[in-house]
C-alpha atoms as a PDB file:
ATOM      1  CA  MET A   1     -27.166  32.469 -59.211  1.00  0.00           C
ATOM      2  CA  PRO A   2     -30.124  31.306 -57.048  1.00  0.00           C
ATOM      3  CA  ARG A   3     -29.253  29.382 -53.862  1.00  0.00           C
ATOM      4  CA  ARG A   4     -29.781  25.633 -54.132  1.00  0.00           C
ATOM      5  CA  THR A   5     -31.912  24.039 -51.460  1.00  0.00           C
ATOM      6  CA  VAL A   6     -32.341  20.481 -50.362  1.00  0.00           C
ATOM      7  CA  PRO A   7     -35.918  19.281 -50.664  1.00  0.00           C
ATOM      8  CA  ARG A   8     -37.749  18.863 -47.354  1.00  0.00           C
ATOM      9  CA  ALA A   9     -38.249  15.140 -47.985  1.00  0.00           C
ATOM     10  CA  VAL A  10     -34.480  14.631 -48.228  1.00  0.00           C
ATOM     11  CA  ARG A  11     -33.619  16.911 -45.297  1.00  0.00           C
ATOM     12  CA  ARG A  12     -35.890  15.224 -42.710  1.00  0.00           C
ATOM     13  CA  PRO A  13     -34.258  11.766 -42.702  1.00  0.00           C
ATOM     14  CA  ALA A  14     -30.864  13.415 -42.250  1.00  0.00           C
ATOM     15  CA  VAL A  15     -32.140  15.287 -39.193  1.00  0.00           C
ATOM     16  CA  GLN A  16     -33.734  12.143 -37.798  1.00  0.00           C
ATOM     17  CA  LEU A  17     -30.519  10.162 -38.316  1.00  0.00           C
ATOM     18  CA  THR A  18     -28.516  12.810 -36.484  1.00  0.00           C
ATOM     19  CA  ALA A  19     -30.924  12.743 -33.562  1.00  0.00           C
ATOM     20  CA  ALA A  20     -30.725   8.958 -33.392  1.00  0.00           C
ATOM     21  CA  ALA A  21     -26.947   9.103 -33.456  1.00  0.00           C
ATOM     22  CA  VAL A  22     -26.924  11.629 -30.650  1.00  0.00           C
ATOM     23  CA  ALA A  23     -29.273   9.468 -28.588  1.00  0.00           C
ATOM     24  CA  LEU A  24     -27.136   6.402 -29.190  1.00  0.00           C
ATOM     25  CA  LEU A  25     -23.979   8.344 -28.300  1.00  0.00           C
ATOM     26  CA  GLY A  26     -25.597   9.551 -25.108  1.00  0.00           C
ATOM     27  CA  LEU A  27     -26.534   6.000 -24.173  1.00  0.00           C
ATOM     28  CA  LEU A  28     -22.982   4.818 -24.818  1.00  0.00           C
ATOM     29  CA  LEU A  29     -21.573   7.669 -22.759  1.00  0.00           C
ATOM     30  CA  TRP A  30     -23.891   6.754 -19.873  1.00  0.00           C
ATOM     31  CA  TRP A  31     -22.252   3.329 -19.747  1.00  0.00           C
ATOM     32  CA  VAL A  32     -18.672   4.271 -20.632  1.00  0.00           C
ATOM     33  CA  VAL A  33     -17.838   7.704 -19.258  1.00  0.00           C
ATOM     34  CA  PRO A  34     -16.835   7.608 -15.570  1.00  0.00           C
ATOM     35  CA  GLY A  35     -19.425   9.355 -13.454  1.00  0.00           C
ATOM     36  CA  GLY A  36     -21.938   9.113 -16.302  1.00  0.00           C
ATOM     37  CA  GLY A  37     -24.488   7.271 -14.194  1.00  0.00           C
ATOM     38  CA  THR A  38     -23.192   3.705 -14.255  1.00  0.00           C
ATOM     39  CA  THR A  39     -23.956   1.936 -10.983  1.00  0.00           C
ATOM     40  CA  VAL A  40     -21.152  -0.289  -9.722  1.00  0.00           C
ATOM     41  CA  ARG A  41     -22.468  -3.202  -7.672  1.00  0.00           C
ATOM     42  CA  GLY A  42     -21.129  -6.267  -5.952  1.00  0.00           C
ATOM     43  CA  ASP A  43     -19.184  -7.692  -3.023  1.00  0.00           C
ATOM     44  CA  VAL A  44     -15.528  -6.833  -2.472  1.00  0.00           C
ATOM     45  CA  THR A  45     -13.002  -8.350  -0.086  1.00  0.00           C
ATOM     46  CA  PHE A  46     -10.111  -6.139   1.001  1.00  0.00           C
ATOM     47  CA  ALA A  47      -7.159  -7.875   2.701  1.00  0.00           C
ATOM     48  CA  THR A  48      -5.440  -5.525   5.147  1.00  0.00           C
ATOM     49  CA  GLY A  49      -2.944  -6.656   7.805  1.00  0.00           C
ATOM     50  CA  VAL A  50      -2.505  -7.128  11.542  1.00  0.00           C
ATOM     51  CA  PRO A  51      -5.189  -5.346  13.611  1.00  0.00           C
ATOM     52  CA  THR A  52      -2.945  -2.636  15.083  1.00  0.00           C
ATOM     53  CA  GLY A  53      -0.984  -1.874  11.910  1.00  0.00           C
ATOM     54  CA  VAL A  54      -1.387   0.950   9.431  1.00  0.00           C
ATOM     55  CA  TYR A  55      -2.749  -1.391   6.728  1.00  0.00           C
ATOM     56  CA  ALA A  56      -5.689  -2.282   8.964  1.00  0.00           C
ATOM     57  CA  ARG A  57      -6.446   1.319   9.893  1.00  0.00           C
ATOM     58  CA  TYR A  58      -6.167   2.475   6.299  1.00  0.00           C
ATOM     59  CA  GLY A  59      -8.452  -0.345   5.185  1.00  0.00           C
ATOM     60  CA  THR A  60     -11.087   0.567   7.773  1.00  0.00           C
ATOM     61  CA  LEU A  61     -11.138   4.211   6.730  1.00  0.00           C
ATOM     62  CA  LEU A  62     -11.188   3.352   3.032  1.00  0.00           C
ATOM     63  CA  GLU A  63     -14.103   0.991   3.670  1.00  0.00           C
ATOM     64  CA  GLN A  64     -16.018   3.913   5.186  1.00  0.00           C
ATOM     65  CA  ARG A  65     -15.203   6.103   2.194  1.00  0.00           C
ATOM     66  CA  LEU A  66     -16.263   3.422  -0.291  1.00  0.00           C
ATOM     67  CA  ALA A  67     -19.561   3.000   1.554  1.00  0.00           C
ATOM     68  CA  ARG A  68     -20.244   6.636   0.760  1.00  0.00           C
ATOM     69  CA  ASP A  69     -18.893   6.709  -2.795  1.00  0.00           C
ATOM     70  CA  LEU A  70     -20.108   3.260  -3.871  1.00  0.00           C
ATOM     71  CA  PRO A  71     -23.283   2.562  -1.875  1.00  0.00           C
ATOM     72  CA  HIS A  72     -24.102  -0.561  -3.908  1.00  0.00           C
ATOM     73  CA  VAL A  73     -20.731  -2.196  -3.225  1.00  0.00           C
ATOM     74  CA  ARG A  74     -20.367  -4.228  -0.023  1.00  0.00           C
ATOM     75  CA  VAL A  75     -16.803  -4.235   1.305  1.00  0.00           C
ATOM     76  CA  ARG A  76     -15.533  -6.911   3.671  1.00  0.00           C
ATOM     77  CA  LEU A  77     -12.194  -6.422   5.411  1.00  0.00           C
ATOM     78  CA  GLU A  78      -9.974  -9.445   5.974  1.00  0.00           C
ATOM     79  CA  ALA A  79      -7.059  -9.382   8.430  1.00  0.00           C
ATOM     80  CA  SER A  80      -3.738 -10.923   7.400  1.00  0.00           C
ATOM     81  CA  GLN A  81      -0.121 -11.287   8.442  1.00  0.00           C
ATOM     82  CA  GLY A  82       0.981  -8.716   5.878  1.00  0.00           C
ATOM     83  CA  SER A  83       2.293  -8.252   2.347  1.00  0.00           C
ATOM     84  CA  LEU A  84       3.245 -11.810   1.427  1.00  0.00           C
ATOM     85  CA  GLN A  85      -0.035 -13.287   2.606  1.00  0.00           C
ATOM     86  CA  ASN A  86      -1.912 -10.418   0.961  1.00  0.00           C
ATOM     87  CA  ILE A  87      -0.380 -11.281  -2.400  1.00  0.00           C
ATOM     88  CA  ASP A  88      -1.359 -14.923  -1.925  1.00  0.00           C
ATOM     89  CA  MET A  89      -4.920 -13.873  -1.136  1.00  0.00           C
ATOM     90  CA  ALA A  90      -5.136 -11.672  -4.219  1.00  0.00           C
ATOM     91  CA  VAL A  91      -3.879 -14.231  -6.721  1.00  0.00           C
ATOM     92  CA  SER A  92      -6.015 -16.988  -5.182  1.00  0.00           C
ATOM     93  CA  GLY A  93      -9.154 -14.866  -5.444  1.00  0.00           C
ATOM     94  CA  LYS A  94      -9.679 -14.676  -1.682  1.00  0.00           C
ATOM     95  CA  ALA A  95      -9.223 -10.903  -1.855  1.00  0.00           C
ATOM     96  CA  ASP A  96     -10.189  -8.472  -4.610  1.00  0.00           C
ATOM     97  CA  PHE A  97      -7.971  -5.641  -3.373  1.00  0.00           C
ATOM     98  CA  THR A  98      -5.086  -5.514  -0.940  1.00  0.00           C
ATOM     99  CA  ILE A  99      -1.964  -3.602   0.054  1.00  0.00           C
ATOM    100  CA  ALA A 100       1.534  -4.984  -0.425  1.00  0.00           C
ATOM    101  CA  GLN A 101       5.055  -3.662  -0.259  1.00  0.00           C
ATOM    102  CA  ALA A 102       6.717  -3.236  -3.641  1.00  0.00           C
ATOM    103  CA  ASP A 103       9.657  -5.455  -2.663  1.00  0.00           C
ATOM    104  CA  ALA A 104       7.320  -8.316  -1.725  1.00  0.00           C
ATOM    105  CA  VAL A 105       5.572  -7.994  -5.087  1.00  0.00           C
ATOM    106  CA  ALA A 106       8.924  -7.918  -6.895  1.00  0.00           C
ATOM    107  CA  ALA A 107      10.018 -11.085  -5.086  1.00  0.00           C
ATOM    108  CA  TYR A 108       6.781 -12.846  -6.015  1.00  0.00           C
ATOM    109  CA  LEU A 109       7.232 -11.921  -9.676  1.00  0.00           C
ATOM    110  CA  ARG A 110      10.906 -12.906  -9.680  1.00  0.00           C
ATOM    111  CA  ASP A 111      10.157 -16.280  -8.124  1.00  0.00           C
ATOM    112  CA  GLY A 112       7.439 -17.048 -10.644  1.00  0.00           C
ATOM    113  CA  GLY A 113       4.646 -17.196  -8.076  1.00  0.00           C
ATOM    114  CA  LYS A 114       1.381 -18.777  -9.122  1.00  0.00           C
ATOM    115  CA  ASP A 115      -0.636 -16.486 -11.413  1.00  0.00           C
ATOM    116  CA  ALA A 116       1.945 -13.733 -10.947  1.00  0.00           C
ATOM    117  CA  ASP A 117       1.063 -12.430 -14.400  1.00  0.00           C
ATOM    118  CA  ARG A 118      -2.448 -11.637 -13.150  1.00  0.00           C
ATOM    119  CA  LEU A 119      -1.284  -9.076 -10.590  1.00  0.00           C
ATOM    120  CA  ARG A 120      -2.117  -5.450 -11.318  1.00  0.00           C
ATOM    121  CA  ALA A 121      -1.695  -2.178  -9.443  1.00  0.00           C
ATOM    122  CA  VAL A 122      -4.336   0.385  -8.588  1.00  0.00           C
ATOM    123  CA  ALA A 123      -2.068   3.030  -7.063  1.00  0.00           C
ATOM    124  CA  ARG A 124       1.154   3.679  -5.276  1.00  0.00           C
ATOM    125  CA  LEU A 125       0.003   4.687  -1.819  1.00  0.00           C
ATOM    126  CA  TYR A 126       2.590   5.689   0.768  1.00  0.00           C
ATOM    127  CA  ASP A 127       6.000   4.506   1.895  1.00  0.00           C
ATOM    128  CA  ASP A 128       6.670   2.148   4.765  1.00  0.00           C
ATOM    129  CA  TYR A 129       9.590   3.155   6.979  1.00  0.00           C
ATOM    130  CA  MET A 130      11.740   0.474   8.564  1.00  0.00           C
ATOM    131  CA  GLN A 131      11.829   0.983  12.326  1.00  0.00           C
ATOM    132  CA  LEU A 132      14.135  -0.829  14.728  1.00  0.00           C
ATOM    133  CA  VAL A 133      12.790  -0.310  18.246  1.00  0.00           C
ATOM    134  CA  VAL A 134      14.809  -0.954  21.419  1.00  0.00           C
ATOM    135  CA  PRO A 135      14.541   0.080  25.078  1.00  0.00           C
ATOM    136  CA  ALA A 136      16.065   3.507  25.672  1.00  0.00           C
ATOM    137  CA  ASP A 137      18.916   2.036  27.715  1.00  0.00           C
ATOM    138  CA  SER A 138      19.739  -0.698  25.183  1.00  0.00           C
ATOM    139  CA  PRO A 139      23.381  -1.002  24.052  1.00  0.00           C
ATOM    140  CA  VAL A 140      22.158  -1.519  20.467  1.00  0.00           C
ATOM    141  CA  ARG A 141      23.287   1.394  18.308  1.00  0.00           C
ATOM    142  CA  SER A 142      23.206  -0.294  14.902  1.00  0.00           C
ATOM    143  CA  ALA A 143      21.693  -3.408  13.363  1.00  0.00           C
ATOM    144  CA  SER A 144      24.995  -5.274  13.698  1.00  0.00           C
ATOM    145  CA  ASP A 145      24.675  -4.967  17.494  1.00  0.00           C
ATOM    146  CA  LEU A 146      21.688  -7.342  17.416  1.00  0.00           C
ATOM    147  CA  ALA A 147      23.950 -10.401  17.399  1.00  0.00           C
ATOM    148  CA  GLY A 148      22.895 -12.850  20.105  1.00  0.00           C
ATOM    149  CA  LEU A 149      19.738 -10.922  21.006  1.00  0.00           C
ATOM    150  CA  ARG A 150      16.030 -11.790  20.896  1.00  0.00           C
ATOM    151  CA  VAL A 151      14.679  -9.890  17.918  1.00  0.00           C
ATOM    152  CA  GLY A 152      11.078  -9.527  16.761  1.00  0.00           C
ATOM    153  CA  MET A 153      11.088  -9.957  13.000  1.00  0.00           C
ATOM    154  CA  GLY A 154       7.397  -9.816  12.166  1.00  0.00           C
ATOM    155  CA  GLU A 155       5.089 -12.673  11.275  1.00  0.00           C
ATOM    156  CA  PRO A 156       6.376 -15.194   8.716  1.00  0.00           C
ATOM    157  CA  ARG A 157       4.194 -14.010   5.799  1.00  0.00           C
ATOM    158  CA  SER A 158       4.656 -10.303   6.457  1.00  0.00           C
ATOM    159  CA  GLY A 159       6.547  -7.662   4.551  1.00  0.00           C
ATOM    160  CA  VAL A 160       8.470  -6.639   7.660  1.00  0.00           C
ATOM    161  CA  SER A 161       9.909 -10.147   7.988  1.00  0.00           C
ATOM    162  CA  LEU A 162      11.115  -9.978   4.400  1.00  0.00           C
ATOM    163  CA  VAL A 163      12.804  -6.583   4.758  1.00  0.00           C
ATOM    164  CA  ALA A 164      14.193  -7.255   8.243  1.00  0.00           C
ATOM    165  CA  GLY A 165      15.941 -10.366   6.996  1.00  0.00           C
ATOM    166  CA  ARG A 166      17.546  -8.415   4.180  1.00  0.00           C
ATOM    167  CA  LEU A 167      18.655  -5.655   6.534  1.00  0.00           C
ATOM    168  CA  LEU A 168      20.268  -8.194   8.843  1.00  0.00           C
ATOM    169  CA  GLN A 169      22.085  -9.659   5.865  1.00  0.00           C
ATOM    170  CA  ALA A 170      23.316  -6.189   4.903  1.00  0.00           C
ATOM    171  CA  ALA A 171      24.515  -5.787   8.502  1.00  0.00           C
ATOM    172  CA  GLY A 172      26.526  -9.006   8.213  1.00  0.00           C
ATOM    173  CA  LEU A 173      24.183 -11.162  10.319  1.00  0.00           C
ATOM    174  CA  ASP A 174      22.464 -14.464   9.576  1.00  0.00           C
ATOM    175  CA  ARG A 175      18.912 -14.453  10.910  1.00  0.00           C
ATOM    176  CA  GLU A 176      19.043 -18.202  11.536  1.00  0.00           C
ATOM    177  CA  LYS A 177      22.383 -18.266  13.347  1.00  0.00           C
ATOM    178  CA  ASP A 178      23.238 -14.859  14.759  1.00  0.00           C
ATOM    179  CA  ILE A 179      20.002 -13.805  16.469  1.00  0.00           C
ATOM    180  CA  VAL A 180      17.151 -15.435  18.356  1.00  0.00           C
ATOM    181  CA  GLU A 181      14.288 -14.738  15.971  1.00  0.00           C
ATOM    182  CA  VAL A 182      10.846 -14.107  17.439  1.00  0.00           C
ATOM    183  CA  PRO A 183       8.230 -14.352  14.644  1.00  0.00           C
ATOM    184  CA  GLU A 184       5.537 -12.040  16.025  1.00  0.00           C
ATOM    185  CA  GLY A 185       3.596  -9.124  14.588  1.00  0.00           C
ATOM    186  CA  ILE A 186       3.182  -5.529  15.700  1.00  0.00           C
ATOM    187  CA  ASP A 187       0.162  -6.553  17.757  1.00  0.00           C
ATOM    188  CA  ARG A 188       2.415  -8.536  20.150  1.00  0.00           C
ATOM    189  CA  MET A 189       5.974  -7.259  19.783  1.00  0.00           C
ATOM    190  CA  PRO A 190       5.537  -4.044  21.814  1.00  0.00           C
ATOM    191  CA  GLY A 191       4.144  -6.004  24.758  1.00  0.00           C
ATOM    192  CA  LEU A 192       6.981  -8.523  24.569  1.00  0.00           C
ATOM    193  CA  LEU A 193       9.548  -5.717  24.585  1.00  0.00           C
ATOM    194  CA  ARG A 194       7.837  -4.032  27.530  1.00  0.00           C
ATOM    195  CA  ASP A 195       7.769  -7.290  29.488  1.00  0.00           C
ATOM    196  CA  GLY A 196      11.437  -7.999  28.842  1.00  0.00           C
ATOM    197  CA  ASP A 197      10.798 -10.955  26.526  1.00  0.00           C
ATOM    198  CA  LEU A 198      12.320  -9.160  23.535  1.00  0.00           C
ATOM    199  CA  ASP A 199      15.499  -7.109  23.184  1.00  0.00           C
ATOM    200  CA  ALA A 200      14.468  -5.356  19.972  1.00  0.00           C
ATOM    201  CA  PHE A 201      11.949  -5.542  17.162  1.00  0.00           C
ATOM    202  CA  PHE A 202      11.719  -4.505  13.541  1.00  0.00           C
ATOM    203  CA  TRP A 203       8.628  -2.877  12.149  1.00  0.00           C
ATOM    204  CA  SER A 204       7.810  -1.698   8.647  1.00  0.00           C
ATOM    205  CA  GLY A 205       4.957   0.772   8.523  1.00  0.00           C
ATOM    206  CA  GLY A 206       3.666   4.219   7.755  1.00  0.00           C
ATOM    207  CA  LEU A 207       4.428   7.050  10.136  1.00  0.00           C
ATOM    208  CA  PRO A 208       3.431   7.087  12.848  1.00  0.00           C
ATOM    209  CA  THR A 209       2.487   3.524  13.796  1.00  0.00           C
ATOM    210  CA  THR A 210      -0.056   3.564  16.610  1.00  0.00           C
ATOM    211  CA  ALA A 211       1.399   0.524  18.389  1.00  0.00           C
ATOM    212  CA  VAL A 212       4.817   2.197  18.612  1.00  0.00           C
ATOM    213  CA  GLU A 213       3.258   5.412  19.921  1.00  0.00           C
ATOM    214  CA  ARG A 214       1.389   3.482  22.601  1.00  0.00           C
ATOM    215  CA  LEU A 215       4.537   1.641  23.624  1.00  0.00           C
ATOM    216  CA  ALA A 216       6.286   4.984  24.109  1.00  0.00           C
ATOM    217  CA  ASP A 217       3.562   5.919  26.603  1.00  0.00           C
ATOM    218  CA  ARG A 218       4.416   2.865  28.712  1.00  0.00           C
ATOM    219  CA  MET A 219       8.207   2.780  28.574  1.00  0.00           C
ATOM    220  CA  GLU A 220      11.161   4.744  27.258  1.00  0.00           C
ATOM    221  CA  ILE A 221      12.218   3.462  23.860  1.00  0.00           C
ATOM    222  CA  ARG A 222      14.604   4.467  21.105  1.00  0.00           C
ATOM    223  CA  LEU A 223      14.732   4.121  17.307  1.00  0.00           C
ATOM    224  CA  VAL A 224      17.978   2.685  15.941  1.00  0.00           C
ATOM    225  CA  PRO A 225      19.133   4.265  12.644  1.00  0.00           C
ATOM    226  CA  LEU A 226      19.186   1.902   9.667  1.00  0.00           C
ATOM    227  CA  GLY A 227      20.235   4.312   6.926  1.00  0.00           C
ATOM    228  CA  ASP A 228      23.825   3.052   6.968  1.00  0.00           C
ATOM    229  CA  LEU A 229      22.597  -0.257   5.509  1.00  0.00           C
ATOM    230  CA  MET A 230      21.161   1.254   2.338  1.00  0.00           C
ATOM    231  CA  PRO A 231      24.467   1.300   0.393  1.00  0.00           C
ATOM    232  CA  LYS A 232      25.044  -2.343   1.333  1.00  0.00           C
ATOM    233  CA  LEU A 233      21.634  -3.655   0.290  1.00  0.00           C
ATOM    234  CA  PRO A 234      22.450  -3.951  -3.453  1.00  0.00           C
ATOM    235  CA  GLU A 235      25.395  -6.173  -2.553  1.00  0.00           C
ATOM    236  CA  VAL A 236      23.178  -8.748  -0.848  1.00  0.00           C
ATOM    237  CA  GLN A 237      19.803  -8.210  -2.489  1.00  0.00           C
ATOM    238  CA  PRO A 238      19.107  -8.167  -6.253  1.00  0.00           C
ATOM    239  CA  LEU A 239      15.751  -6.465  -5.620  1.00  0.00           C
ATOM    240  CA  ALA A 240      17.270  -3.552  -3.741  1.00  0.00           C
ATOM    241  CA  ARG A 241      15.817  -1.063  -6.236  1.00  0.00           C
ATOM    242  CA  ALA A 242      12.560  -1.371  -4.302  1.00  0.00           C
ATOM    243  CA  TYR A 243      14.201   0.428  -1.370  1.00  0.00           C
ATOM    244  CA  ARG A 244      15.276   4.016  -0.905  1.00  0.00           C
ATOM    245  CA  SER A 245      17.124   6.031   1.670  1.00  0.00           C
ATOM    246  CA  ALA A 246      14.718   7.927   3.890  1.00  0.00           C
ATOM    247  CA  VAL A 247      14.558  10.029   7.011  1.00  0.00           C
ATOM    248  CA  MET A 248      11.902   9.705   9.673  1.00  0.00           C
ATOM    249  CA  PRO A 249      11.115  13.349  10.423  1.00  0.00           C
ATOM    250  CA  ALA A 250      11.731  14.601  13.934  1.00  0.00           C
ATOM    251  CA  ASP A 251       8.020  14.939  14.613  1.00  0.00           C
ATOM    252  CA  ALA A 252       7.073  11.403  13.524  1.00  0.00           C
ATOM    253  CA  TYR A 253       7.321  10.207  17.139  1.00  0.00           C
ATOM    254  CA  PRO A 254       7.903  13.326  19.277  1.00  0.00           C
ATOM    255  CA  ALA A 255       7.995  11.360  22.545  1.00  0.00           C
ATOM    256  CA  ILE A 256      10.682   9.048  21.181  1.00  0.00           C
ATOM    257  CA  GLN A 257      12.857  11.156  18.903  1.00  0.00           C
ATOM    258  CA  HIS A 258      13.117  14.299  21.048  1.00  0.00           C
ATOM    259  CA  GLY A 259      13.473  16.516  18.020  1.00  0.00           C
ATOM    260  CA  GLU A 260      15.993  14.319  16.181  1.00  0.00           C
ATOM    261  CA  PRO A 261      15.375  12.821  12.713  1.00  0.00           C
ATOM    262  CA  VAL A 262      16.292   9.172  12.162  1.00  0.00           C
ATOM    263  CA  ARG A 263      17.895   7.855   8.983  1.00  0.00           C
ATOM    264  CA  THR A 264      16.362   4.640   7.714  1.00  0.00           C
ATOM    265  CA  VAL A 265      15.216   2.625   4.682  1.00  0.00           C
ATOM    266  CA  ALA A 266      11.798   2.981   3.050  1.00  0.00           C
ATOM    267  CA  VAL A 267       9.760   0.912   0.603  1.00  0.00           C
ATOM    268  CA  ALA A 268       6.620   1.836  -1.327  1.00  0.00           C
ATOM    269  CA  ASN A 269       3.212   0.313  -0.658  1.00  0.00           C
ATOM    270  CA  LEU A 270       1.027  -0.567  -3.605  1.00  0.00           C
ATOM    271  CA  LEU A 271      -2.737  -0.994  -3.745  1.00  0.00           C
ATOM    272  CA  VAL A 272      -2.964  -4.305  -5.588  1.00  0.00           C
ATOM    273  CA  THR A 273      -5.639  -6.255  -7.448  1.00  0.00           C
ATOM    274  CA  THR A 274      -5.661  -8.705 -10.358  1.00  0.00           C
ATOM    275  CA  ASN A 275      -6.799  -8.600 -13.963  1.00  0.00           C
ATOM    276  CA  ARG A 276      -9.906 -10.542 -12.908  1.00  0.00           C
ATOM    277  CA  THR A 277     -11.321  -7.464 -11.187  1.00  0.00           C
ATOM    278  CA  ASP A 278     -13.955  -5.537 -13.127  1.00  0.00           C
ATOM    279  CA  ALA A 279     -12.605  -2.409 -14.828  1.00  0.00           C
ATOM    280  CA  ALA A 280     -15.525  -0.165 -13.814  1.00  0.00           C
ATOM    281  CA  LEU A 281     -15.186  -1.250 -10.188  1.00  0.00           C
ATOM    282  CA  THR A 282     -11.433  -0.704 -10.213  1.00  0.00           C
ATOM    283  CA  GLU A 283     -11.839   2.732 -11.756  1.00  0.00           C
ATOM    284  CA  ALA A 284     -14.363   3.689  -9.077  1.00  0.00           C
ATOM    285  CA  VAL A 285     -12.147   2.401  -6.279  1.00  0.00           C
ATOM    286  CA  THR A 286      -9.166   4.306  -7.715  1.00  0.00           C
ATOM    287  CA  ARG A 287     -11.192   7.510  -7.713  1.00  0.00           C
ATOM    288  CA  SER A 288     -12.183   7.007  -4.078  1.00  0.00           C
ATOM    289  CA  VAL A 289      -8.586   6.286  -3.037  1.00  0.00           C
ATOM    290  CA  ILE A 290      -7.312   9.498  -4.592  1.00  0.00           C
ATOM    291  CA  ASN A 291     -10.229  11.666  -3.469  1.00  0.00           C
ATOM    292  CA  SER A 292     -10.110  10.387   0.120  1.00  0.00           C
ATOM    293  CA  ARG A 293      -6.494  11.361   0.724  1.00  0.00           C
ATOM    294  CA  ASP A 294      -7.221  14.312   2.987  1.00  0.00           C
ATOM    295  CA  GLN A 295     -10.037  12.599   4.860  1.00  0.00           C
ATOM    296  CA  ILE A 296      -8.061   9.427   5.602  1.00  0.00           C
ATOM    297  CA  GLY A 297      -4.850  11.394   6.059  1.00  0.00           C
ATOM    298  CA  ASN A 298      -6.361  13.183   9.058  1.00  0.00           C
ATOM    299  CA  GLU A 299      -6.239   9.870  10.938  1.00  0.00           C
ATOM    300  CA  VAL A 300      -3.560   7.916   9.064  1.00  0.00           C
ATOM    301  CA  HIS A 301      -0.825  10.456   8.472  1.00  0.00           C
ATOM    302  CA  ALA A 302       0.946   8.242   5.957  1.00  0.00           C
ATOM    303  CA  ALA A 303      -2.077   8.495   3.657  1.00  0.00           C
ATOM    304  CA  GLN A 304      -1.320  12.195   3.146  1.00  0.00           C
ATOM    305  CA  LYS A 305       1.401  11.005   0.771  1.00  0.00           C
ATOM    306  CA  VAL A 306      -1.140   9.575  -1.690  1.00  0.00           C
ATOM    307  CA  ASP A 307      -0.827  11.858  -4.676  1.00  0.00           C
ATOM    308  CA  LEU A 308      -1.876  11.844  -8.330  1.00  0.00           C
ATOM    309  CA  ARG A 309       1.660  12.689  -9.396  1.00  0.00           C
ATOM    310  CA  THR A 310       3.120   9.591  -7.760  1.00  0.00           C
ATOM    311  CA  ALA A 311       0.168   7.184  -7.701  1.00  0.00           C
ATOM    312  CA  ILE A 312       0.874   5.953 -11.233  1.00  0.00           C
ATOM    313  CA  TYR A 313       4.436   4.854 -10.426  1.00  0.00           C
ATOM    314  CA  THR A 314       3.576   1.290  -9.472  1.00  0.00           C
ATOM    315  CA  ASP A 315       6.756  -0.540 -10.455  1.00  0.00           C
ATOM    316  CA  PRO A 316       7.048  -3.546 -10.647  1.00  0.00           C
ATOM    317  CA  LEU A 317       3.343  -3.938 -11.536  1.00  0.00           C
ATOM    318  CA  PRO A 318       1.442  -2.518 -14.502  1.00  0.00           C
ATOM    319  CA  LEU A 319      -1.680  -0.514 -13.790  1.00  0.00           C
ATOM    320  CA  HIS A 320      -5.043  -2.244 -13.953  1.00  0.00           C
ATOM    321  CA  ALA A 321      -7.018  -1.126 -17.023  1.00  0.00           C
ATOM    322  CA  GLY A 322      -9.673   0.503 -14.827  1.00  0.00           C
ATOM    323  CA  ALA A 323      -7.104   2.449 -12.827  1.00  0.00           C
ATOM    324  CA  ALA A 324      -5.333   3.559 -16.006  1.00  0.00           C
ATOM    325  CA  ARG A 325      -8.650   4.821 -17.369  1.00  0.00           C
ATOM    326  CA  TYR A 326      -9.165   6.942 -14.262  1.00  0.00           C
ATOM    327  CA  TYR A 327      -5.685   8.482 -14.462  1.00  0.00           C
ATOM    328  CA  ARG A 328      -6.193   9.321 -18.135  1.00  0.00           C
ATOM    329  CA  GLU A 329      -9.473  11.006 -17.249  1.00  0.00           C
ATOM    330  CA  VAL A 330      -7.985  13.287 -14.597  1.00  0.00           C
ATOM    331  CA  LYS A 331      -4.691  13.985 -16.338  1.00  0.00           C
ATOM    332  CA  PRO A 332      -4.251  17.768 -16.663  1.00  0.00           C
END
């Protein structure tokens, strides 16, 4: 039987239609597929933290990375007191991206904070380790020994203030009655301890914290273990699931620890935005955060913990649509 053929006049439109479809698909891919040529533009405000804290250093280094990866995006860093203020800045629109401790976010959601339903996560970054710093010759051996002493608790709208208060409660102390609270940040607490105006201070940060390292160069200090409080936290704090038992490795602060690890409590830091933030911008920022781990980690050791396998675990916040799109793209 002879082979049937399609007349040339019929075949040509089909070929032309296919070519048009391919061209249209290519155009759509240029706009939709990450890295397909879409130019992300605009101004971005990133709320960090106190000037000598890890949030601020991480923010500075990420700003430098974004300048390279997203040359048409202008990033402005904004200092803050810490996690609680950062959340306020995000929901109010004063910041597009910020860093906040997971427990502070959980508290904001639980308390029905304004526009709490708008909060979204970009990535789980690294863990903050609770550090209780005292002079080397201090009689304080546990948090319960802080009774009657002058204790730096962090600035009022900081994550460290939130966690320190809960740790004191787990230790059986009332921050309003049993200690003399000094509401200062990491930029001032080391100096106050060195000058004898503080007996101890709490700090919540990545390891190592520069301000603590510098203090160790000026005086002999010691880290008080806090790990014994972890089992007691669920008894006094409904949001205790945000915390985990952790160990500060012996080399976190070699001049302080003298080869000894320190048991403590840790809490995750989240890179936070809101559902108002553009999806393409958020996807691009997520890519830069993950790809800059080694570069930033060379200067901020805590950033070495940023990892694709853990970045998506952003409880209690859902991922922003742009961040989720990036993780789907790179999923093995």
